[in-house]
C-alpha atoms as a PDB file:
ATOM      1  CA  MET A   1     -13.337  -9.048  -2.909  1.00  0.00           C
ATOM      2  CA  LEU A   2     -10.102 -10.649  -1.689  1.00  0.00           C
ATOM      3  CA  SER A   3     -10.744 -13.684  -3.856  1.00  0.00           C
ATOM      4  CA  GLY A   4     -10.995 -11.476  -6.941  1.00  0.00           C
ATOM      5  CA  LEU A   5      -7.757  -9.697  -6.038  1.00  0.00           C
ATOM      6  CA  ILE A   6      -6.039 -13.058  -5.650  1.00  0.00           C
ATOM      7  CA  ASP A   7      -7.416 -14.097  -9.053  1.00  0.00           C
ATOM      8  CA  ASP A   8      -5.869 -11.015 -10.646  1.00  0.00           C
ATOM      9  CA  ALA A   9      -2.564 -11.423  -8.801  1.00  0.00           C
ATOM     10  CA  THR A  10      -2.371 -15.072  -9.870  1.00  0.00           C
ATOM     11  CA  ALA A  11      -3.047 -14.097 -13.482  1.00  0.00           C
ATOM     12  CA  LEU A  12       0.057 -11.895 -13.443  1.00  0.00           C
ATOM     13  CA  ALA A  13       2.358 -14.824 -12.741  1.00  0.00           C
ATOM     14  CA  PRO A  14       4.031 -15.899 -15.981  1.00  0.00           C
ATOM     15  CA  GLY A  15       4.607 -19.451 -17.122  1.00  0.00           C
ATOM     16  CA  PRO A  16       7.528 -21.412 -15.610  1.00  0.00           C
ATOM     17  CA  ALA A  17       9.909 -20.355 -18.425  1.00  0.00           C
ATOM     18  CA  GLY A  18       8.939 -16.663 -18.254  1.00  0.00           C
ATOM     19  CA  ARG A  19      10.499 -13.891 -16.213  1.00  0.00           C
ATOM     20  CA  ARG A  20       9.225 -13.177 -12.739  1.00  0.00           C
ATOM     21  CA  ALA A  21       6.242 -10.804 -12.444  1.00  0.00           C
ATOM     22  CA  LEU A  22       6.087  -7.892  -9.990  1.00  0.00           C
ATOM     23  CA  LEU A  23       2.894  -6.545  -8.417  1.00  0.00           C
ATOM     24  CA  GLY A  24       3.211  -3.245  -6.554  1.00  0.00           C
ATOM     25  CA  LEU A  25       0.940  -1.893  -3.818  1.00  0.00           C
ATOM     26  CA  ALA A  26       1.201   1.844  -3.154  1.00  0.00           C
ATOM     27  CA  GLY A  27      -0.685   3.796  -0.534  1.00  0.00           C
ATOM     28  CA  PRO A  28      -0.381   6.063   2.511  1.00  0.00           C
ATOM     29  CA  PRO A  29       1.090   4.908   5.836  1.00  0.00           C
ATOM     30  CA  ALA A  30      -0.994   2.262   7.656  1.00  0.00           C
ATOM     31  CA  ALA A  31      -3.484   1.840   4.793  1.00  0.00           C
ATOM     32  CA  GLY A  32      -3.149  -1.952   5.040  1.00  0.00           C
ATOM     33  CA  LYS A  33      -0.587  -2.558   2.300  1.00  0.00           C
ATOM     34  CA  SER A  34       1.507  -5.141   4.123  1.00  0.00           C
ATOM     35  CA  THR A  35      -1.536  -7.092   5.318  1.00  0.00           C
ATOM     36  CA  LEU A  36      -2.960  -7.212   1.802  1.00  0.00           C
ATOM     37  CA  ALA A  37       0.425  -8.176   0.330  1.00  0.00           C
ATOM     38  CA  ARG A  38       0.753 -11.140   2.683  1.00  0.00           C
ATOM     39  CA  ARG A  39      -2.789 -12.290   1.939  1.00  0.00           C
ATOM     40  CA  LEU A  40      -2.177 -12.072  -1.789  1.00  0.00           C
ATOM     41  CA  VAL A  41       1.014 -14.103  -1.510  1.00  0.00           C
ATOM     42  CA  HIS A  42      -0.781 -16.719   0.604  1.00  0.00           C
ATOM     43  CA  GLY A  43      -3.659 -16.878  -1.875  1.00  0.00           C
ATOM     44  CA  VAL A  44      -1.381 -17.210  -4.896  1.00  0.00           C
ATOM     45  CA  GLU A  45       0.570 -19.980  -3.174  1.00  0.00           C
ATOM     46  CA  GLN A  46      -2.659 -21.849  -2.473  1.00  0.00           C
ATOM     47  CA  ARG A  47      -3.396 -21.815  -6.200  1.00  0.00           C
ATOM     48  CA  LEU A  48       0.053 -22.233  -7.727  1.00  0.00           C
ATOM     49  CA  GLY A  49       1.904 -24.067  -4.978  1.00  0.00           C
ATOM     50  CA  ALA A  50       4.208 -23.274  -2.068  1.00  0.00           C
ATOM     51  CA  GLY A  51       7.065 -20.961  -3.007  1.00  0.00           C
ATOM     52  CA  SER A  52       5.308 -19.649  -6.116  1.00  0.00           C
ATOM     53  CA  ALA A  53       4.985 -16.117  -4.689  1.00  0.00           C
ATOM     54  CA  ALA A  54       7.000 -13.910  -2.356  1.00  0.00           C
ATOM     55  CA  TYR A  55       6.544 -10.688  -0.406  1.00  0.00           C
ATOM     56  CA  VAL A  56       9.247  -8.001  -0.525  1.00  0.00           C
ATOM     57  CA  PRO A  57       8.362  -4.712   1.225  1.00  0.00           C
ATOM     58  CA  MET A  58      10.065  -1.443   0.327  1.00  0.00           C
ATOM     59  CA  ASP A  59      10.667  -0.729   4.028  1.00  0.00           C
ATOM     60  CA  GLY A  60      13.982  -2.595   3.958  1.00  0.00           C
ATOM     61  CA  PHE A  61      15.346   0.376   2.023  1.00  0.00           C
ATOM     62  CA  HIS A  62      14.853   2.850   4.868  1.00  0.00           C
ATOM     63  CA  LEU A  63      18.107   4.663   5.508  1.00  0.00           C
ATOM     64  CA  SER A  64      19.603   3.611   8.844  1.00  0.00           C
ATOM     65  CA  ASN A  65      19.054   5.870  11.837  1.00  0.00           C
ATOM     66  CA  ALA A  66      22.773   6.709  11.776  1.00  0.00           C
ATOM     67  CA  GLN A  67      22.453   7.971   8.201  1.00  0.00           C
ATOM     68  CA  LEU A  68      19.255   9.864   9.010  1.00  0.00           C
ATOM     69  CA  ASP A  69      21.029  11.562  11.911  1.00  0.00           C
ATOM     70  CA  ARG A  70      23.957  12.442   9.644  1.00  0.00           C
ATOM     71  CA  LEU A  71      21.564  13.998   7.125  1.00  0.00           C
ATOM     72  CA  GLY A  72      19.385  15.682   9.756  1.00  0.00           C
ATOM     73  CA  LEU A  73      16.339  13.690   8.612  1.00  0.00           C
ATOM     74  CA  ARG A  74      15.451  11.569  11.664  1.00  0.00           C
ATOM     75  CA  GLY A  75      12.312  13.644  12.263  1.00  0.00           C
ATOM     76  CA  ARG A  76      11.206  13.023   8.659  1.00  0.00           C
ATOM     77  CA  LYS A  77      11.690   9.241   8.725  1.00  0.00           C
ATOM     78  CA  GLY A  78       9.303   7.742   6.186  1.00  0.00           C
ATOM     79  CA  ALA A  79       9.519  10.675   3.750  1.00  0.00           C
ATOM     80  CA  PRO A  80      10.730   9.889   0.196  1.00  0.00           C
ATOM     81  CA  GLU A  81      14.215  11.274   0.824  1.00  0.00           C
ATOM     82  CA  THR A  82      14.725   8.859   3.751  1.00  0.00           C
ATOM     83  CA  PHE A  83      14.787   5.784   1.487  1.00  0.00           C
ATOM     84  CA  ASP A  84      17.488   4.348  -0.764  1.00  0.00           C
ATOM     85  CA  VAL A  85      15.345   4.416  -3.891  1.00  0.00           C
ATOM     86  CA  ASP A  86      18.245   3.520  -6.182  1.00  0.00           C
ATOM     87  CA  GLY A  87      18.900   0.388  -4.154  1.00  0.00           C
ATOM     88  CA  TYR A  88      15.219  -0.530  -4.299  1.00  0.00           C
ATOM     89  CA  VAL A  89      15.082  -0.094  -8.088  1.00  0.00           C
ATOM     90  CA  ALA A  90      18.211  -2.230  -8.453  1.00  0.00           C
ATOM     91  CA  LEU A  91      16.578  -4.990  -6.398  1.00  0.00           C
ATOM     92  CA  LEU A  92      13.410  -4.876  -8.522  1.00  0.00           C
ATOM     93  CA  ARG A  93      15.539  -5.340 -11.644  1.00  0.00           C
ATOM     94  CA  ARG A  94      17.193  -8.376 -10.065  1.00  0.00           C
ATOM     95  CA  LEU A  95      13.863  -9.825  -8.980  1.00  0.00           C
ATOM     96  CA  ARG A  96      12.541  -9.583 -12.535  1.00  0.00           C
ATOM     97  CA  SER A  97      15.517 -11.182 -14.220  1.00  0.00           C
ATOM     98  CA  GLU A  98      17.349 -13.457 -11.757  1.00  0.00           C
ATOM     99  CA  THR A  99      15.025 -16.439 -11.664  1.00  0.00           C
ATOM    100  CA  GLY A 100      17.589 -19.236 -11.488  1.00  0.00           C
ATOM    101  CA  ARG A 101      18.808 -18.627  -7.945  1.00  0.00           C
ATOM    102  CA  ALA A 102      17.668 -17.171  -4.641  1.00  0.00           C
ATOM    103  CA  VAL A 103      17.618 -13.378  -4.346  1.00  0.00           C
ATOM    104  CA  TYR A 104      18.111 -11.826  -0.907  1.00  0.00           C
ATOM    105  CA  ALA A 105      16.444  -8.565   0.077  1.00  0.00           C
ATOM    106  CA  PRO A 106      16.589  -6.330   3.152  1.00  0.00           C
ATOM    107  CA  ASP A 107      13.764  -6.303   5.678  1.00  0.00           C
ATOM    108  CA  PHE A 108      12.763  -3.741   8.315  1.00  0.00           C
ATOM    109  CA  ASP A 109      12.572  -4.532  12.037  1.00  0.00           C
ATOM    110  CA  ARG A 110       9.996  -2.311  13.714  1.00  0.00           C
ATOM    111  CA  ARG A 111      11.267  -3.231  17.178  1.00  0.00           C
ATOM    112  CA  LEU A 112      14.753  -2.008  16.276  1.00  0.00           C
ATOM    113  CA  ASP A 113      13.346   0.699  13.979  1.00  0.00           C
ATOM    114  CA  GLU A 114      16.145  -0.229  11.558  1.00  0.00           C
ATOM    115  CA  PRO A 115      16.588  -2.057   8.227  1.00  0.00           C
ATOM    116  CA  VAL A 116      18.030  -5.580   8.410  1.00  0.00           C
ATOM    117  CA  ALA A 117      20.257  -6.810   5.580  1.00  0.00           C
ATOM    118  CA  ALA A 118      19.251 -10.021   3.753  1.00  0.00           C
ATOM    119  CA  GLY A 119      16.245 -10.556   6.017  1.00  0.00           C
ATOM    120  CA  ILE A 120      14.129 -11.842   3.115  1.00  0.00           C
ATOM    121  CA  VAL A 121      14.839 -14.537   0.555  1.00  0.00           C
ATOM    122  CA  VAL A 122      12.962 -14.876  -2.740  1.00  0.00           C
ATOM    123  CA  PRO A 123      13.321 -18.475  -3.941  1.00  0.00           C
ATOM    124  CA  PRO A 124      13.900 -19.315  -7.607  1.00  0.00           C
ATOM    125  CA  THR A 125      10.459 -20.966  -7.642  1.00  0.00           C
ATOM    126  CA  ALA A 126       8.707 -17.609  -7.071  1.00  0.00           C
ATOM    127  CA  ARG A 127       6.808 -16.585 -10.202  1.00  0.00           C
ATOM    128  CA  LEU A 128       5.285 -13.487  -8.608  1.00  0.00           C
ATOM    129  CA  VAL A 129       6.696 -10.963  -6.145  1.00  0.00           C
ATOM    130  CA  VAL A 130       4.323  -8.649  -4.310  1.00  0.00           C
ATOM    131  CA  THR A 131       6.096  -5.482  -3.187  1.00  0.00           C
ATOM    132  CA  GLU A 132       4.573  -2.572  -1.303  1.00  0.00           C
ATOM    133  CA  GLY A 133       5.468   0.863  -0.026  1.00  0.00           C
ATOM    134  CA  ASN A 134       4.266   4.414   0.248  1.00  0.00           C
ATOM    135  CA  TYR A 135       5.942   5.828  -2.853  1.00  0.00           C
ATOM    136  CA  LEU A 136       5.698   3.178  -5.555  1.00  0.00           C
ATOM    137  CA  ALA A 137       3.465   5.528  -7.593  1.00  0.00           C
ATOM    138  CA  ASP A 138       5.432   8.700  -6.842  1.00  0.00           C
ATOM    139  CA  ASP A 139       6.697  11.015  -9.594  1.00  0.00           C
ATOM    140  CA  GLY A 140       9.713  12.251  -7.654  1.00  0.00           C
ATOM    141  CA  GLU A 141      13.349  11.751  -8.609  1.00  0.00           C
ATOM    142  CA  GLY A 142      14.194   8.055  -8.712  1.00  0.00           C
ATOM    143  CA  TRP A 143      10.694   6.858  -7.906  1.00  0.00           C
ATOM    144  CA  ARG A 144       9.382   6.891 -11.464  1.00  0.00           C
ATOM    145  CA  GLY A 145      11.846   4.092 -12.189  1.00  0.00           C
ATOM    146  CA  VAL A 146       9.886   1.883  -9.790  1.00  0.00           C
ATOM    147  CA  ARG A 147       6.696   2.061 -11.859  1.00  0.00           C
ATOM    148  CA  GLU A 148       8.557   1.126 -15.018  1.00  0.00           C
ATOM    149  CA  LEU A 149       9.525  -2.226 -13.491  1.00  0.00           C
ATOM    150  CA  LEU A 150       6.098  -3.257 -12.186  1.00  0.00           C
ATOM    151  CA  ASP A 151       3.630  -5.407 -14.118  1.00  0.00           C
ATOM    152  CA  ALA A 152       0.751  -3.884 -12.158  1.00  0.00           C
ATOM    153  CA  LEU A 153       0.419  -1.150  -9.535  1.00  0.00           C
ATOM    154  CA  TRP A 154      -2.557  -0.939  -7.182  1.00  0.00           C
ATOM    155  CA  PHE A 155      -3.396   1.832  -4.718  1.00  0.00           C
ATOM    156  CA  VAL A 156      -4.440   0.761  -1.215  1.00  0.00           C
ATOM    157  CA  GLU A 157      -6.456   3.239   0.828  1.00  0.00           C
ATOM    158  CA  ALA A 158      -8.232   3.466   4.182  1.00  0.00           C
ATOM    159  CA  PRO A 159     -10.045   6.322   5.980  1.00  0.00           C
ATOM    160  CA  PRO A 160      -7.597   8.798   7.567  1.00  0.00           C
ATOM    161  CA  GLU A 161      -8.996   8.236  11.057  1.00  0.00           C
ATOM    162  CA  VAL A 162      -8.484   4.473  10.715  1.00  0.00           C
ATOM    163  CA  ARG A 163      -4.945   4.924   9.433  1.00  0.00           C
ATOM    164  CA  GLU A 164      -3.971   7.332  12.184  1.00  0.00           C
ATOM    165  CA  GLU A 165      -5.306   5.034  14.890  1.00  0.00           C
ATOM    166  CA  ARG A 166      -3.202   2.231  13.423  1.00  0.00           C
ATOM    167  CA  LEU A 167      -0.190   4.551  13.290  1.00  0.00           C
ATOM    168  CA  LEU A 168      -0.669   5.546  16.912  1.00  0.00           C
ATOM    169  CA  ARG A 169      -0.707   1.895  18.005  1.00  0.00           C
ATOM    170  CA  ARG A 170       2.342   1.182  15.833  1.00  0.00           C
ATOM    171  CA  HIS A 171       4.382   4.021  17.337  1.00  0.00           C
ATOM    172  CA  LEU A 172       3.353   3.144  20.876  1.00  0.00           C
ATOM    173  CA  ARG A 173       4.513  -0.441  20.302  1.00  0.00           C
ATOM    174  CA  GLY A 174       7.748   0.966  18.918  1.00  0.00           C
ATOM    175  CA  GLY A 175       8.504   2.754  22.201  1.00  0.00           C
ATOM    176  CA  ARG A 176       7.265   6.303  21.629  1.00  0.00           C
ATOM    177  CA  SER A 177       5.144   7.987  24.284  1.00  0.00           C
ATOM    178  CA  ARG A 178       1.607   8.954  23.267  1.00  0.00           C
ATOM    179  CA  ASP A 179       2.595  12.616  22.925  1.00  0.00           C
ATOM    180  CA  GLU A 180       5.672  11.722  20.857  1.00  0.00           C
ATOM    181  CA  ALA A 181       3.607   9.474  18.615  1.00  0.00           C
ATOM    182  CA  LEU A 182       0.924  12.100  18.026  1.00  0.00           C
ATOM    183  CA  GLU A 183       3.575  14.729  17.250  1.00  0.00           C
ATOM    184  CA  PHE A 184       5.299  12.436  14.741  1.00  0.00           C
ATOM    185  CA  ILE A 185       1.979  11.609  13.059  1.00  0.00           C
ATOM    186  CA  ALA A 186       1.156  15.305  12.718  1.00  0.00           C
ATOM    187  CA  SER A 187       4.598  16.451  11.575  1.00  0.00           C
ATOM    188  CA  SER A 188       5.632  13.537   9.345  1.00  0.00           C
ATOM    189  CA  GLU A 189       2.985  10.889   8.678  1.00  0.00           C
ATOM    190  CA  ARG A 190       0.253  13.295   7.525  1.00  0.00           C
ATOM    191  CA  PRO A 191       2.455  15.217   5.056  1.00  0.00           C
ATOM    192  CA  ASN A 192       3.747  11.892   3.723  1.00  0.00           C
ATOM    193  CA  ALA A 193       0.178  10.634   3.279  1.00  0.00           C
ATOM    194  CA  ARG A 194      -0.804  13.769   1.353  1.00  0.00           C
ATOM    195  CA  ARG A 195       2.102  13.270  -1.023  1.00  0.00           C
ATOM    196  CA  VAL A 196       1.243   9.595  -1.535  1.00  0.00           C
ATOM    197  CA  GLU A 197      -2.375  10.419  -2.311  1.00  0.00           C
ATOM    198  CA  ARG A 198      -1.342  12.865  -5.037  1.00  0.00           C
ATOM    199  CA  ALA A 199       0.093   9.918  -7.002  1.00  0.00           C
ATOM    200  CA  ARG A 200      -3.098   7.849  -6.792  1.00  0.00           C
ATOM    201  CA  ALA A 201      -3.888   8.410 -10.476  1.00  0.00           C
ATOM    202  CA  ASN A 202      -0.690   6.568 -11.445  1.00  0.00           C
ATOM    203  CA  CYS A 203      -2.213   3.291 -10.217  1.00  0.00           C
ATOM    204  CA  SER A 204      -4.425   1.005 -12.289  1.00  0.00           C
ATOM    205  CA  ARG A 205      -6.894   0.144  -9.514  1.00  0.00           C
ATOM    206  CA  VAL A 206      -7.883   1.253  -6.016  1.00  0.00           C
ATOM    207  CA  VAL A 207      -8.358  -1.196  -3.150  1.00  0.00           C
ATOM    208  CA  SER A 208     -10.177   0.082  -0.059  1.00  0.00           C
ATOM    209  CA  ARG A 209      -9.231  -1.505   3.253  1.00  0.00           C
END
């Protein structure tokens, strides 16, 4: 199955003189989006050469904890309103069109639980960028502009019990107690997942992890 997905991702990459292609992976928290994105990039690079593909997650556009505190949204971190969607859309436009020089993008440090400016570089050799995040298929304000910039959008899913076990491990590694992690999953991660799943029909294919 992975080989076929890599075939399709590779086919999206335009010729050397064309603009850069963007493949989006949407899906609920802990569905396996980032793992799949990295494997796709690795597979495309094996076929087209080193530096021919790059991975740019949406997570770098989390609002900082200071901004979330200012807005009273720290307890909803990960919800659509806790991202800088306009900044993300602006980056996607740059990634499509600026192919003659490196493009820097923010990353997200799970140990710090904060975005990190210019943590990712997309080289001019990259013909395909794989980007992923919860809300790439969302119909909310600002998010529809994401879909318009993608050459393909796939939905990544996993059973809820698998996702929540992954989320629990993630939050424990991030420093939350078990009780704090379970409370955050119930109050934030589950509602976010339900919203993400409502946009499933906006994707062209479904990948089960």
